[in-house]
Amino acid sequence: MNISKEERETIITYNEAEAVASVYTMNGALIRKLEGLVESRPGEARRVKTYPDGAQEYEVPKKWVRVNASRILSDAQREAALKNAEAARKAKFG
């Protein structure tokens, strides 16, 4: 089934009364991550449904749902981080 990127959604829903969140996704990376959690933490995460179009639905603890903004770096901080990454790469690979 050929589904456009616009149609490949991830929908996370939860309410104030329950401790679980429902995650519906077609995102391959997120599916792999959730499958790993289902295997390693079966008491907390579970696959609810597999859809014919490749989507998966999971239930996870609501406290696992996060919204994280990336850090805002100054030009000097960005340059220092790039130099550190380059030095680490050289140390690892020579």
C-alpha atoms as a PDB file:
ATOM      1  CA  MET A   1       0.000   0.000   0.000  1.00  0.00           C
ATOM      2  CA  ASN A   2       1.517   3.321  -1.092  1.00  0.00           C
ATOM      3  CA  ILE A   3       0.711   5.983   1.504  1.00  0.00           C
ATOM      4  CA  SER A   4       2.014   9.548   1.188  1.00  0.00           C
ATOM      5  CA  LYS A   5       4.187  11.074   3.906  1.00  0.00           C
ATOM      6  CA  GLU A   6       1.360  13.456   4.773  1.00  0.00           C
ATOM      7  CA  GLU A   7      -0.880  10.490   5.525  1.00  0.00           C
ATOM      8  CA  ARG A   8       1.707   8.648   7.674  1.00  0.00           C
ATOM      9  CA  GLU A   9       0.598  10.033  11.002  1.00  0.00           C
ATOM     10  CA  THR A  10       1.604   9.587  14.594  1.00  0.00           C
ATOM     11  CA  ILE A  11      -1.207  10.332  17.019  1.00  0.00           C
ATOM     12  CA  ILE A  12      -0.715  10.294  20.788  1.00  0.00           C
ATOM     13  CA  THR A  13      -3.825  10.544  22.936  1.00  0.00           C
ATOM     14  CA  TYR A  14      -4.419  10.435  26.658  1.00  0.00           C
ATOM     15  CA  ASN A  15      -6.779  11.875  29.214  1.00  0.00           C
ATOM     16  CA  GLU A  16      -6.516  13.131  32.772  1.00  0.00           C
ATOM     17  CA  ALA A  17      -8.278  10.111  34.301  1.00  0.00           C
ATOM     18  CA  GLU A  18      -6.081   7.281  33.009  1.00  0.00           C
ATOM     19  CA  ALA A  19      -2.384   6.581  33.480  1.00  0.00           C
ATOM     20  CA  VAL A  20      -1.828   5.273  29.929  1.00  0.00           C
ATOM     21  CA  ALA A  21      -1.379   6.988  26.591  1.00  0.00           C
ATOM     22  CA  SER A  22      -2.383   5.531  23.241  1.00  0.00           C
ATOM     23  CA  VAL A  23       0.174   5.838  20.438  1.00  0.00           C
ATOM     24  CA  TYR A  24      -0.976   5.245  16.851  1.00  0.00           C
ATOM     25  CA  THR A  25       1.882   5.495  14.366  1.00  0.00           C
ATOM     26  CA  MET A  26       3.111   4.642  10.904  1.00  0.00           C
ATOM     27  CA  ASN A  27       6.625   5.931  11.657  1.00  0.00           C
ATOM     28  CA  GLY A  28       9.083   3.059  11.236  1.00  0.00           C
ATOM     29  CA  ALA A  29      11.659   4.344  13.721  1.00  0.00           C
ATOM     30  CA  LEU A  30       8.998   4.905  16.389  1.00  0.00           C
ATOM     31  CA  ILE A  31       7.496   1.469  15.745  1.00  0.00           C
ATOM     32  CA  ARG A  32      10.929  -0.132  16.242  1.00  0.00           C
ATOM     33  CA  LYS A  33      11.436   1.817  19.464  1.00  0.00           C
ATOM     34  CA  LEU A  34       7.993   0.889  20.785  1.00  0.00           C
ATOM     35  CA  GLU A  35       8.476  -2.769  19.810  1.00  0.00           C
ATOM     36  CA  GLY A  36      11.724  -2.779  21.794  1.00  0.00           C
ATOM     37  CA  LEU A  37       9.882  -1.373  24.791  1.00  0.00           C
ATOM     38  CA  VAL A  38       7.109  -3.966  24.437  1.00  0.00           C
ATOM     39  CA  GLU A  39       9.762  -6.717  24.509  1.00  0.00           C
ATOM     40  CA  SER A  40      11.890  -5.282  27.319  1.00  0.00           C
ATOM     41  CA  ARG A  41       9.073  -3.896  29.476  1.00  0.00           C
ATOM     42  CA  PRO A  42       5.963  -6.004  28.800  1.00  0.00           C
ATOM     43  CA  GLY A  43       4.352  -4.975  32.085  1.00  0.00           C
ATOM     44  CA  GLU A  44       4.364  -1.319  31.043  1.00  0.00           C
ATOM     45  CA  ALA A  45       4.028  -1.202  27.244  1.00  0.00           C
ATOM     46  CA  ARG A  46       1.887  -3.287  24.940  1.00  0.00           C
ATOM     47  CA  ARG A  47       0.938  -3.442  21.273  1.00  0.00           C
ATOM     48  CA  VAL A  48      -2.813  -3.013  20.991  1.00  0.00           C
ATOM     49  CA  LYS A  49      -3.408  -3.440  17.275  1.00  0.00           C
ATOM     50  CA  THR A  50      -1.689  -3.888  13.926  1.00  0.00           C
ATOM     51  CA  TYR A  51      -3.457  -2.270  10.971  1.00  0.00           C
ATOM     52  CA  PRO A  52      -3.424  -3.595   7.374  1.00  0.00           C
ATOM     53  CA  ASP A  53      -1.747  -0.396   6.117  1.00  0.00           C
ATOM     54  CA  GLY A  54       1.285  -0.983   8.375  1.00  0.00           C
ATOM     55  CA  ALA A  55       0.254   1.271  11.239  1.00  0.00           C
ATOM     56  CA  GLN A  56       0.629   0.059  14.810  1.00  0.00           C
ATOM     57  CA  GLU A  57      -1.154   1.094  17.986  1.00  0.00           C
ATOM     58  CA  TYR A  58       0.437   0.858  21.431  1.00  0.00           C
ATOM     59  CA  GLU A  59      -0.371   1.693  25.024  1.00  0.00           C
ATOM     60  CA  VAL A  60       2.407   3.155  27.154  1.00  0.00           C
ATOM     61  CA  PRO A  61       2.511   4.892  30.523  1.00  0.00           C
ATOM     62  CA  LYS A  62       1.422   8.500  30.133  1.00  0.00           C
ATOM     63  CA  LYS A  63       4.526   9.626  32.032  1.00  0.00           C
ATOM     64  CA  TRP A  64       6.655   8.411  29.078  1.00  0.00           C
ATOM     65  CA  VAL A  65       5.149  11.086  26.811  1.00  0.00           C
ATOM     66  CA  ARG A  66       7.450  14.140  26.670  1.00  0.00           C
ATOM     67  CA  VAL A  67       7.801  17.352  24.738  1.00  0.00           C
ATOM     68  CA  ASN A  68      11.429  18.489  24.671  1.00  0.00           C
ATOM     69  CA  ALA A  69      12.694  21.592  22.971  1.00  0.00           C
ATOM     70  CA  SER A  70      16.266  21.549  21.709  1.00  0.00           C
ATOM     71  CA  ARG A  71      18.830  23.804  23.328  1.00  0.00           C
ATOM     72  CA  ILE A  72      19.421  27.194  21.809  1.00  0.00           C
ATOM     73  CA  LEU A  73      23.148  27.549  21.209  1.00  0.00           C
ATOM     74  CA  SER A  74      25.099  30.684  20.529  1.00  0.00           C
ATOM     75  CA  ASP A  75      27.425  30.673  17.535  1.00  0.00           C
ATOM     76  CA  ALA A  76      30.389  30.205  19.900  1.00  0.00           C
ATOM     77  CA  GLN A  77      28.723  27.251  21.641  1.00  0.00           C
ATOM     78  CA  ARG A  78      27.831  25.657  18.294  1.00  0.00           C
ATOM     79  CA  GLU A  79      31.417  26.060  17.073  1.00  0.00           C
ATOM     80  CA  ALA A  80      32.808  24.586  20.304  1.00  0.00           C
ATOM     81  CA  ALA A  81      30.426  21.615  20.040  1.00  0.00           C
ATOM     82  CA  LEU A  82      31.513  20.980  16.443  1.00  0.00           C
ATOM     83  CA  LYS A  83      35.193  21.093  17.453  1.00  0.00           C
ATOM     84  CA  ASN A  84      34.535  18.673  20.325  1.00  0.00           C
ATOM     85  CA  ALA A  85      32.683  16.279  18.027  1.00  0.00           C
ATOM     86  CA  GLU A  86      35.480  16.444  15.466  1.00  0.00           C
ATOM     87  CA  ALA A  87      38.121  15.781  18.143  1.00  0.00           C
ATOM     88  CA  ALA A  88      36.118  12.831  19.465  1.00  0.00           C
ATOM     89  CA  ARG A  89      35.742  11.409  15.940  1.00  0.00           C
ATOM     90  CA  LYS A  90      39.496  11.742  15.322  1.00  0.00           C
ATOM     91  CA  ALA A  91      40.285  10.087  18.659  1.00  0.00           C
ATOM     92  CA  LYS A  92      37.983   7.195  17.834  1.00  0.00           C
ATOM     93  CA  PHE A  93      38.864   6.641  14.188  1.00  0.00           C
ATOM     94  CA  GLY A  94      42.330   8.150  13.993  1.00  0.00           C
END
